[in-house]
N, C-alpha and C. Protein backbone atom coordinates (compact mmCIF):
# COMPACT_ATOMS: atom_id res chain seq x y z
N UNK A 1 -6.05 37.52 9.21
CA UNK A 1 -5.29 36.94 9.67
C UNK A 1 -5.17 36.19 10.66
N UNK A 2 -5.98 36.06 11.68
CA UNK A 2 -5.91 35.52 12.80
C UNK A 2 -6.88 34.18 11.90
N UNK A 3 -7.98 34.58 11.50
CA UNK A 3 -9.04 33.29 11.18
C UNK A 3 -8.24 32.49 10.04
N UNK A 4 -7.57 33.00 8.98
CA UNK A 4 -6.44 32.06 8.13
C UNK A 4 -5.79 31.05 8.91
N UNK A 5 -5.02 31.50 9.78
CA UNK A 5 -4.45 30.99 10.84
C UNK A 5 -5.00 29.77 11.36
N UNK A 6 -5.80 30.09 12.02
CA UNK A 6 -6.72 29.34 12.41
C UNK A 6 -7.01 28.12 11.49
N UNK A 7 -7.61 28.42 9.94
CA UNK A 7 -8.20 27.57 9.43
C UNK A 7 -7.21 26.53 8.86
N UNK A 8 -6.14 27.53 8.71
CA UNK A 8 -4.77 26.38 8.20
C UNK A 8 -4.59 25.68 8.93
N UNK A 9 -4.23 25.81 10.04
CA UNK A 9 -4.08 25.09 11.47
C UNK A 9 -4.81 23.43 11.89
N UNK A 10 -6.35 24.13 11.66
CA UNK A 10 -7.47 23.00 11.40
C UNK A 10 -7.25 22.05 10.24
N UNK A 11 -7.01 22.86 9.03
CA UNK A 11 -6.68 21.75 8.22
C UNK A 11 -5.77 20.69 8.00
N UNK A 12 -4.68 21.82 8.37
CA UNK A 12 -3.47 20.53 8.58
C UNK A 12 -3.79 19.56 9.32
N UNK A 13 -4.25 19.84 10.33
CA UNK A 13 -4.50 18.59 11.29
C UNK A 13 -5.29 18.16 10.82
N UNK A 14 -6.32 18.07 10.16
CA UNK A 14 -7.13 16.95 9.57
C UNK A 14 -6.63 16.24 8.60
N UNK A 15 -5.93 17.09 8.03
CA UNK A 15 -5.43 16.19 6.59
C UNK A 15 -4.23 15.36 6.85
N UNK A 16 -3.19 15.75 7.94
CA UNK A 16 -2.25 14.69 8.66
C UNK A 16 -3.15 13.67 9.17
N UNK A 17 -4.33 13.34 9.62
CA UNK A 17 -5.37 12.69 9.91
C UNK A 17 -5.54 11.68 8.62
N UNK A 18 -5.99 11.98 7.72
CA UNK A 18 -6.34 11.21 6.77
C UNK A 18 -5.21 11.08 5.86
N UNK A 19 -4.24 10.93 5.95
CA UNK A 19 -2.80 10.65 5.03
C UNK A 19 -2.12 9.84 6.03
N UNK A 20 -2.69 9.24 7.06
CA UNK A 20 -1.34 8.42 7.65
C UNK A 20 -0.79 7.40 6.92
N UNK A 21 0.30 6.96 7.18
CA UNK A 21 1.10 5.94 6.59
C UNK A 21 0.47 4.40 7.24
N UNK A 22 0.59 3.63 6.30
CA UNK A 22 0.39 2.10 6.90
C UNK A 22 1.74 1.31 6.60
N UNK A 23 2.16 1.17 7.49
CA UNK A 23 3.37 0.57 7.70
C UNK A 23 3.22 -0.40 7.38
N UNK A 24 4.13 -0.92 6.14
CA UNK A 24 4.34 -2.73 5.97
C UNK A 24 5.79 -2.93 6.06
N UNK A 25 5.79 -3.86 6.74
CA UNK A 25 7.61 -4.31 7.12
C UNK A 25 7.19 -5.84 7.19
N UNK A 26 8.32 -6.35 6.48
CA UNK A 26 8.55 -7.96 5.88
C UNK A 26 10.18 -8.15 6.61
N UNK A 27 10.71 -9.06 6.79
CA UNK A 27 11.95 -9.19 6.80
C UNK A 27 12.05 -10.16 5.58
N UNK A 28 13.47 -10.10 5.26
CA UNK A 28 14.76 -10.56 4.11
C UNK A 28 14.55 -12.34 4.75
N UNK A 29 14.31 -12.88 3.65
CA UNK A 29 14.55 -14.66 3.26
C UNK A 29 15.19 -15.13 2.10
N UNK A 30 15.89 -15.79 2.55
CA UNK A 30 16.85 -16.57 1.50
C UNK A 30 15.62 -17.71 0.95
N UNK A 31 15.68 -17.50 -0.54
CA UNK A 31 14.88 -18.42 -1.45
C UNK A 31 15.71 -19.29 -2.13
N UNK A 32 15.50 -20.91 -1.56
CA UNK A 32 16.37 -21.99 -1.89
C UNK A 32 15.31 -22.53 -2.50
N UNK A 33 15.69 -23.65 -4.02
CA UNK A 33 14.61 -24.51 -4.28
C UNK A 33 13.81 -25.48 -3.59
N UNK A 34 14.25 -25.78 -2.62
CA UNK A 34 13.39 -26.28 -1.95
C UNK A 34 12.19 -25.72 -0.63
N UNK A 35 12.67 -24.27 -0.60
CA UNK A 35 12.52 -23.67 0.63
C UNK A 35 10.52 -23.62 0.44
N UNK A 36 9.84 -23.24 1.74
CA UNK A 36 8.55 -22.97 1.65
C UNK A 36 7.89 -22.15 0.76
N UNK A 37 8.97 -20.64 0.96
CA UNK A 37 8.47 -20.00 -0.20
C UNK A 37 8.37 -20.38 -1.47
N UNK A 38 9.36 -21.18 -1.98
CA UNK A 38 9.08 -21.61 -3.11
C UNK A 38 8.07 -22.35 -3.45
N UNK A 39 7.62 -23.53 -2.60
CA UNK A 39 6.25 -24.38 -2.94
C UNK A 39 4.95 -22.95 -2.54
N UNK A 40 5.16 -22.69 -1.77
CA UNK A 40 4.01 -21.58 -1.56
C UNK A 40 3.96 -20.91 -2.75
N UNK A 41 4.62 -20.26 -3.18
CA UNK A 41 4.78 -19.26 -4.49
C UNK A 41 4.26 -20.25 -5.74
N UNK A 42 4.58 -21.33 -5.67
CA UNK A 42 4.34 -22.51 -6.96
C UNK A 42 2.78 -22.50 -6.98
N UNK A 43 2.55 -23.01 -5.71
CA UNK A 43 1.02 -23.51 -5.44
C UNK A 43 -0.10 -22.58 -5.52
N UNK A 44 0.67 -21.17 -5.57
CA UNK A 44 -0.35 -20.44 -5.28
C UNK A 44 -0.03 -18.90 -5.81
N UNK A 45 0.55 -19.32 -7.57
CA UNK A 45 0.93 -18.46 -8.19
C UNK A 45 0.00 -17.40 -8.87
N UNK A 46 -0.91 -18.11 -9.24
CA UNK A 46 -2.19 -17.44 -9.78
C UNK A 46 -2.72 -16.24 -8.62
N UNK A 47 -3.08 -16.94 -7.70
CA UNK A 47 -3.78 -15.40 -6.57
C UNK A 47 -2.48 -14.74 -6.22
N UNK A 48 -1.09 -14.98 -6.07
CA UNK A 48 -0.29 -14.10 -6.10
C UNK A 48 -0.43 -13.03 -6.69
N UNK A 49 -0.26 -13.40 -8.18
CA UNK A 49 -0.20 -12.42 -9.28
C UNK A 49 -1.33 -11.47 -9.09
N UNK A 50 -3.05 -12.42 -8.85
CA UNK A 50 -3.93 -11.17 -8.95
C UNK A 50 -3.88 -10.36 -7.43
N UNK A 51 -3.31 -10.75 -6.37
CA UNK A 51 -3.36 -10.16 -5.18
C UNK A 51 -2.22 -8.69 -5.94
N UNK A 52 -1.03 -9.07 -6.44
CA UNK A 52 -0.07 -8.12 -6.79
C UNK A 52 -0.64 -7.22 -7.71
N UNK A 53 -1.29 -7.73 -8.62
CA UNK A 53 -2.29 -6.78 -9.83
C UNK A 53 -3.23 -6.15 -8.93
N UNK A 54 -4.18 -6.13 -7.99
CA UNK A 54 -5.21 -5.25 -7.38
C UNK A 54 -3.52 -4.69 -6.21
N UNK A 55 -2.98 -4.78 -5.94
CA UNK A 55 -2.51 -3.70 -4.91
C UNK A 55 -1.86 -2.80 -5.67
N UNK A 56 -1.24 -3.03 -6.57
CA UNK A 56 -0.82 -1.91 -7.89
C UNK A 56 -1.87 -1.05 -8.21
N UNK A 57 -3.05 -1.73 -8.77
CA UNK A 57 -3.99 -0.55 -8.73
C UNK A 57 -4.47 0.03 -7.43
N UNK A 58 -4.78 -0.52 -6.78
CA UNK A 58 -5.09 0.48 -5.58
C UNK A 58 -4.07 1.30 -5.19
N UNK A 59 -2.63 1.18 -5.17
CA UNK A 59 -1.79 1.66 -4.42
C UNK A 59 -1.17 3.04 -5.96
N UNK A 60 -2.17 2.72 -7.16
CA UNK A 60 -1.49 4.05 -8.13
C UNK A 60 -2.90 5.03 -7.82
N UNK A 61 -4.15 4.25 -7.61
CA UNK A 61 -5.11 5.33 -6.93
C UNK A 61 -5.18 5.86 -5.80
N UNK A 62 -4.50 5.12 -4.73
CA UNK A 62 -4.22 6.08 -3.43
C UNK A 62 -2.92 7.24 -3.72
N UNK A 63 -2.06 6.72 -4.50
CA UNK A 63 -0.85 7.62 -4.97
C UNK A 63 -1.33 9.14 -5.42
N UNK A 64 -2.34 8.56 -6.37
CA UNK A 64 -2.97 10.03 -6.90
C UNK A 64 -3.36 10.88 -5.87
N UNK A 65 -4.29 10.64 -5.11
CA UNK A 65 -5.12 11.61 -4.15
C UNK A 65 -4.31 11.64 -3.19
N UNK A 66 -3.20 10.64 -2.62
CA UNK A 66 -2.52 11.52 -1.34
C UNK A 66 -1.43 12.33 -2.48
N UNK A 67 -1.04 12.40 -3.26
CA UNK A 67 -0.10 13.17 -3.93
C UNK A 67 -0.80 14.48 -4.23
N UNK A 68 -1.60 14.57 -4.51
CA UNK A 68 -2.94 15.77 -4.71
C UNK A 68 -2.91 16.24 -3.14
N UNK A 69 -3.21 15.60 -2.46
CA UNK A 69 -3.35 16.50 -1.06
C UNK A 69 -2.22 17.39 -0.53
N UNK A 70 -0.89 16.73 -0.61
CA UNK A 70 0.15 16.66 -0.43
C UNK A 70 0.91 18.09 -1.49
N UNK A 71 0.65 17.98 -2.60
CA UNK A 71 0.77 18.85 -3.36
C UNK A 71 -0.27 20.11 -2.90
N UNK A 72 -1.31 19.98 -2.70
CA UNK A 72 -2.58 21.37 -2.23
C UNK A 72 -1.76 21.60 -0.97
N UNK A 73 -1.56 21.13 0.05
CA UNK A 73 -1.22 21.52 1.24
C UNK A 73 0.35 22.10 1.19
N UNK A 74 1.06 21.55 0.37
CA UNK A 74 2.15 22.66 0.07
C UNK A 74 1.91 23.92 -0.70
N UNK A 75 1.12 24.06 -1.75
CA UNK A 75 1.23 25.00 -2.41
C UNK A 75 0.08 26.07 -1.99
N UNK A 76 -1.21 25.07 -2.02
CA UNK A 76 -2.22 26.21 -1.75
C UNK A 76 -2.12 26.90 -0.31
N UNK A 77 -1.49 26.11 1.03
CA UNK A 77 -1.40 26.37 2.12
C UNK A 77 -0.32 26.83 2.90
N UNK A 78 0.48 26.11 2.82
CA UNK A 78 2.12 26.33 3.45
C UNK A 78 2.74 27.47 2.80
N UNK A 79 2.67 27.72 1.30
CA UNK A 79 3.31 28.78 0.43
C UNK A 79 2.58 30.07 0.61
N UNK A 80 1.37 29.80 0.72
CA UNK A 80 0.51 30.84 1.01
C UNK A 80 0.96 31.70 2.16
N UNK A 81 0.51 30.62 3.05
CA UNK A 81 0.39 31.30 4.53
C UNK A 81 1.87 31.94 4.67
N UNK A 82 2.94 31.49 4.34
CA UNK A 82 4.61 32.07 4.53
C UNK A 82 4.22 33.22 4.15
N UNK A 83 3.78 33.25 2.70
CA UNK A 83 3.85 34.68 1.84
C UNK A 83 3.31 35.65 2.64
N UNK A 84 2.51 35.49 3.34
CA UNK A 84 1.44 36.59 3.80
C UNK A 84 2.03 37.04 5.10
N UNK A 85 2.45 35.84 5.67
CA UNK A 85 3.47 36.30 7.02
C UNK A 85 4.52 36.99 6.71
N UNK A 86 5.11 36.91 5.35
CA UNK A 86 6.43 37.77 5.00
C UNK A 86 6.01 39.32 4.77
N UNK A 87 4.76 39.43 4.11
CA UNK A 87 4.13 40.37 3.76
C UNK A 87 3.71 41.42 4.77
N UNK A 88 3.37 40.72 5.93
CA UNK A 88 2.88 41.31 7.21
C UNK A 88 4.22 41.76 8.43
N UNK A 89 5.61 41.03 7.37
CA UNK A 89 6.60 41.28 8.46
C UNK A 89 6.86 40.35 9.46
N UNK A 90 6.28 39.34 9.53
CA UNK A 90 6.25 38.76 10.83
C UNK A 90 7.16 37.43 10.43
N UNK A 91 7.93 37.05 11.56
CA UNK A 91 9.09 36.03 11.35
C UNK A 91 8.36 34.62 11.05
N UNK A 92 8.95 34.42 10.04
CA UNK A 92 8.41 32.69 9.30
C UNK A 92 9.46 31.74 8.83
N UNK A 93 10.58 32.18 9.36
CA UNK A 93 11.80 31.39 9.27
C UNK A 93 11.68 30.14 9.39
N UNK A 94 10.91 29.65 10.48
CA UNK A 94 10.27 28.28 10.97
C UNK A 94 10.18 27.88 10.03
N UNK A 95 8.55 28.45 9.84
CA UNK A 95 7.62 27.75 8.77
C UNK A 95 8.07 27.81 7.38
N UNK A 96 9.23 28.65 7.06
CA UNK A 96 9.57 28.40 5.79
C UNK A 96 10.62 27.15 5.20
N UNK A 97 11.63 27.18 6.74
CA UNK A 97 12.30 25.99 6.81
C UNK A 97 11.71 24.60 6.72
N UNK A 98 10.37 24.30 7.54
CA UNK A 98 9.59 23.26 7.41
C UNK A 98 8.73 23.18 6.06
N UNK A 99 8.54 23.94 5.43
CA UNK A 99 7.87 24.27 4.28
C UNK A 99 9.05 23.64 3.28
N UNK A 100 10.02 24.07 3.18
CA UNK A 100 10.76 23.81 2.17
C UNK A 100 11.61 21.91 2.58
N UNK A 101 11.51 21.63 3.78
CA UNK A 101 11.79 20.02 4.03
C UNK A 101 10.77 19.49 3.90
N UNK A 102 9.30 19.91 3.49
CA UNK A 102 8.23 19.01 3.42
C UNK A 102 8.45 19.08 1.93
N UNK A 103 8.66 20.07 1.07
CA UNK A 103 8.78 19.92 -0.42
C UNK A 103 9.81 19.05 -0.93
N UNK A 104 10.86 18.91 -0.34
CA UNK A 104 11.66 18.02 -0.47
C UNK A 104 11.02 16.27 -0.28
N UNK A 105 10.58 16.45 0.57
CA UNK A 105 10.16 15.03 0.68
C UNK A 105 9.18 14.65 0.26
N UNK A 106 8.39 15.63 -0.28
CA UNK A 106 7.39 15.55 -1.36
C UNK A 106 7.83 15.11 -2.62
N UNK A 107 8.70 15.58 -3.09
CA UNK A 107 9.63 15.28 -4.33
C UNK A 107 10.14 13.92 -3.79
N UNK A 108 10.78 14.00 -3.07
CA UNK A 108 11.29 12.16 -2.94
C UNK A 108 10.42 11.24 -2.84
N UNK A 109 9.33 11.38 -2.05
CA UNK A 109 8.07 10.83 -2.43
C UNK A 109 7.42 10.39 -4.05
N UNK A 110 7.71 11.63 -4.39
CA UNK A 110 7.25 11.17 -6.18
C UNK A 110 7.95 10.37 -6.55
N UNK A 111 9.26 10.43 -6.66
CA UNK A 111 10.41 10.32 -7.30
C UNK A 111 10.60 8.33 -6.52
N UNK A 112 10.39 8.32 -5.34
CA UNK A 112 10.13 6.74 -4.38
C UNK A 112 8.93 6.41 -5.14
N UNK A 113 7.68 7.14 -5.32
CA UNK A 113 6.64 6.16 -5.87
C UNK A 113 7.02 5.43 -7.15
N UNK A 114 7.48 6.34 -8.01
CA UNK A 114 7.89 5.93 -9.54
C UNK A 114 8.82 4.94 -9.55
N UNK A 115 10.01 4.84 -8.29
CA UNK A 115 10.71 3.07 -8.28
C UNK A 115 9.84 2.29 -8.31
N UNK A 116 8.62 2.68 -6.89
CA UNK A 116 8.08 1.80 -6.68
C UNK A 116 7.24 0.92 -7.74
N UNK A 117 6.74 1.99 -8.57
CA UNK A 117 5.51 1.55 -10.06
C UNK A 117 6.35 0.91 -10.57
N UNK A 118 7.53 0.74 -11.06
CA UNK A 118 8.59 0.24 -11.78
C UNK A 118 8.91 -0.97 -11.48
N UNK A 119 9.26 -1.09 -10.30
CA UNK A 119 9.14 -2.44 -9.25
C UNK A 119 7.72 -3.15 -9.48
N UNK A 120 7.14 -2.67 -9.20
CA UNK A 120 5.63 -3.43 -9.06
C UNK A 120 5.77 -3.82 -10.94
N UNK A 121 5.81 -2.91 -11.56
CA UNK A 121 5.57 -3.63 -13.06
C UNK A 121 6.27 -4.67 -13.99
N UNK A 122 7.67 -4.57 -13.14
CA UNK A 122 8.58 -5.60 -13.29
C UNK A 122 7.89 -6.48 -12.18
N UNK A 123 7.71 -6.67 -11.57
CA UNK A 123 6.92 -8.00 -10.78
C UNK A 123 5.66 -8.51 -11.70
N UNK A 124 4.58 -7.76 -12.00
CA UNK A 124 3.30 -8.09 -13.07
C UNK A 124 3.90 -9.06 -13.75
N UNK A 125 5.12 -8.61 -14.52
CA UNK A 125 5.43 -9.21 -15.69
C UNK A 125 6.28 -10.41 -15.44
N UNK A 126 6.45 -10.57 -14.37
CA UNK A 126 7.36 -11.66 -14.00
C UNK A 126 6.61 -13.10 -14.07
N UNK A 127 7.05 -14.01 -14.15
CA UNK A 127 6.33 -15.48 -13.95
C UNK A 127 6.92 -15.79 -12.72
N UNK A 128 5.84 -16.18 -11.49
CA UNK A 128 6.24 -17.28 -10.77
C UNK A 128 6.30 -18.58 -11.07
N UNK A 129 5.67 -19.06 -12.29
CA UNK A 129 6.20 -20.31 -12.21
C UNK A 129 7.36 -20.62 -12.98
N UNK A 130 7.92 -19.86 -13.90
CA UNK A 130 9.06 -19.95 -14.69
C UNK A 130 10.45 -19.57 -14.01
N UNK A 131 10.34 -18.68 -13.32
CA UNK A 131 11.85 -18.46 -12.11
C UNK A 131 11.20 -17.84 -10.93
N UNK A 132 11.17 -19.00 -10.38
CA UNK A 132 10.37 -18.53 -9.10
C UNK A 132 11.57 -17.60 -7.94
N UNK A 133 12.57 -18.19 -8.08
CA UNK A 133 13.78 -17.08 -7.20
C UNK A 133 13.81 -15.87 -8.06
N UNK A 134 13.76 -15.80 -9.37
CA UNK A 134 13.56 -14.46 -9.80
C UNK A 134 12.48 -13.69 -9.70
N UNK A 135 11.08 -14.25 -9.67
CA UNK A 135 10.07 -13.54 -9.35
C UNK A 135 9.95 -13.26 -7.51
N UNK A 136 10.35 -14.26 -6.97
CA UNK A 136 10.72 -13.58 -5.39
C UNK A 136 11.77 -12.28 -5.07
N UNK A 137 12.87 -12.46 -5.86
CA UNK A 137 13.54 -11.34 -5.73
C UNK A 137 12.72 -9.83 -6.13
N UNK A 138 12.26 -9.67 -7.42
CA UNK A 138 11.25 -9.13 -7.75
C UNK A 138 9.99 -8.55 -6.74
N UNK A 139 9.49 -9.48 -5.98
CA UNK A 139 8.47 -8.96 -4.53
C UNK A 139 9.60 -8.42 -3.66
N UNK A 140 10.75 -9.07 -3.50
CA UNK A 140 10.78 -8.32 -2.36
C UNK A 140 11.72 -6.61 -2.69
N UNK A 141 12.19 -6.56 -3.99
CA UNK A 141 12.26 -5.24 -4.73
C UNK A 141 11.17 -4.37 -4.20
N UNK A 142 9.88 -5.12 -4.83
CA UNK A 142 8.59 -4.07 -4.84
C UNK A 142 8.14 -4.03 -3.14
N UNK A 143 8.38 -4.77 -2.37
CA UNK A 143 8.23 -4.61 -0.84
C UNK A 143 9.30 -3.59 -0.22
N UNK A 144 10.61 -3.48 -0.53
CA UNK A 144 11.68 -2.44 -0.12
C UNK A 144 10.68 -1.15 -0.68
N UNK A 145 10.71 -0.89 -1.97
CA UNK A 145 10.26 0.42 -2.52
C UNK A 145 9.01 0.35 -1.63
N UNK A 146 8.50 -0.16 -1.44
CA UNK A 146 7.03 0.41 -0.76
C UNK A 146 7.02 0.70 0.64
N UNK A 147 8.09 0.11 1.71
CA UNK A 147 8.59 0.68 2.73
C UNK A 147 8.83 1.96 2.36
N UNK A 148 9.70 2.28 1.41
CA UNK A 148 10.36 3.62 1.41
C UNK A 148 9.47 4.70 1.11
N UNK A 149 8.01 4.25 0.61
CA UNK A 149 6.88 5.17 0.46
C UNK A 149 6.69 5.43 2.01
N UNK A 150 5.82 4.07 2.41
CA UNK A 150 5.31 4.61 3.88
C UNK A 150 6.51 5.30 4.96
N UNK A 151 8.08 5.45 4.49
CA UNK A 151 9.09 6.06 5.02
C UNK A 151 8.36 7.44 5.03
N UNK A 152 8.04 7.65 3.53
CA UNK A 152 8.46 9.17 2.93
C UNK A 152 6.89 9.43 3.63
N UNK A 153 5.70 8.98 3.45
CA UNK A 153 4.64 9.73 3.88
C UNK A 153 4.87 9.94 5.81
N UNK A 154 5.56 9.42 6.29
CA UNK A 154 5.65 9.01 7.84
C UNK A 154 6.34 10.97 7.94
N UNK A 155 7.65 10.52 7.19
CA UNK A 155 8.42 12.16 7.19
C UNK A 155 7.45 12.98 7.06
N UNK A 156 6.55 13.17 6.22
CA UNK A 156 5.90 14.22 5.57
C UNK A 156 4.81 14.53 6.44
N UNK A 157 4.00 13.59 7.38
CA UNK A 157 2.96 13.74 8.67
C UNK A 157 3.60 14.05 9.65
N UNK A 158 5.13 13.96 9.69
CA UNK A 158 6.11 14.21 10.98
C UNK A 158 5.88 16.15 10.69
N UNK A 159 6.66 16.66 9.74
CA UNK A 159 6.58 17.92 8.89
C UNK A 159 5.55 18.36 9.10
N UNK A 160 4.29 18.23 8.70
CA UNK A 160 3.08 18.83 9.03
C UNK A 160 3.10 19.03 10.47
N UNK A 161 2.90 18.12 11.07
CA UNK A 161 2.92 18.17 12.62
C UNK A 161 3.73 19.16 13.17
N UNK A 162 4.77 19.17 12.68
CA UNK A 162 5.79 20.29 13.44
C UNK A 162 5.51 21.81 12.78
N UNK A 163 4.81 21.86 11.10
CA UNK A 163 4.24 23.11 10.93
C UNK A 163 3.03 23.61 11.46
N UNK A 164 2.24 22.25 11.70
CA UNK A 164 0.76 22.95 12.60
C UNK A 164 1.36 23.47 13.97
N UNK A 165 2.33 22.74 14.72
CA UNK A 165 2.93 23.45 15.73
C UNK A 165 3.49 24.87 15.77
N UNK A 166 4.14 25.28 14.66
CA UNK A 166 5.05 26.46 14.50
C UNK A 166 3.98 27.30 14.27
N UNK A 167 2.66 27.10 13.33
CA UNK A 167 1.36 27.74 13.28
C UNK A 167 1.13 28.58 14.47
N UNK A 168 0.76 27.40 15.31
CA UNK A 168 0.10 27.71 16.81
C UNK A 168 1.06 28.47 17.46
N UNK A 169 2.52 28.49 17.17
CA UNK A 169 3.58 29.32 17.98
C UNK A 169 3.48 30.68 17.46
N UNK A 170 3.29 30.79 16.18
CA UNK A 170 3.03 32.37 15.15
C UNK A 170 1.87 32.82 15.76
N UNK A 171 0.71 32.17 15.77
CA UNK A 171 -0.66 32.68 16.12
C UNK A 171 -0.60 33.15 17.55
N UNK A 172 0.31 32.53 18.53
CA UNK A 172 0.04 32.68 19.63
C UNK A 172 1.03 34.32 20.34
N UNK A 173 1.92 34.39 18.91
CA UNK A 173 2.87 35.53 19.26
C UNK A 173 2.33 36.85 18.40
N UNK A 174 0.77 36.61 18.04
CA UNK A 174 0.07 37.94 16.84
C UNK A 174 -0.70 38.17 18.39
N UNK A 175 -0.36 39.48 18.85
CA UNK A 175 -1.43 40.31 19.69
C UNK A 175 -1.86 39.20 20.70
N UNK A 176 -0.83 38.42 21.53
CA UNK A 176 -1.25 37.33 22.68
C UNK A 176 -1.90 36.35 22.21
N UNK A 177 -2.13 36.35 20.65
CA UNK A 177 -3.17 34.91 20.55
C UNK A 177 -4.41 35.38 20.60
N UNK A 178 -5.11 36.59 20.49
CA UNK A 178 -6.44 36.44 20.71
C UNK A 178 -7.22 36.52 19.32
N UNK A 179 -8.18 35.75 19.59
CA UNK A 179 -8.84 35.63 18.44
C UNK A 179 -9.75 36.74 17.78
N UNK A 180 -9.81 37.23 16.48
CA UNK A 180 -10.57 38.23 16.28
C UNK A 180 -11.26 38.31 14.89
């Protein structure tokens, strides 16, 4: 049991380091017909479209990998450890609470990713030459959706850190925390 707890804690630390969010923030800007943004979009339309396509493709691959990792952490590690602690009649109420919060955050991440994917698909279908203001609004919507994903990842990583800390506390309460 102690070795399992140690391995779980080690895995949680390693996995939280692997899936650290990359925060992307930008300020909202009003687009008028003569603005610099309009001119830049018009002049760089094809390169912007290629960049959007590449980001969408890369984010889809990243989402699959990150989603699988979070799912594995939730189902294969957190749920199993909580179950083992319950079977051994050890107080794991804090771990269960953190696990529930993590699962809620994971489901929110999945939902927000679907919103982001829809926003990116709409952006890719839009024309940055025919209707620049509409294209820019879709770009803003995609950016905002991506920022929500970043917040979701930060929330999940914070919950993993709390879970790891609580695992350490439980480990310390078992036989004085001696390894065996």
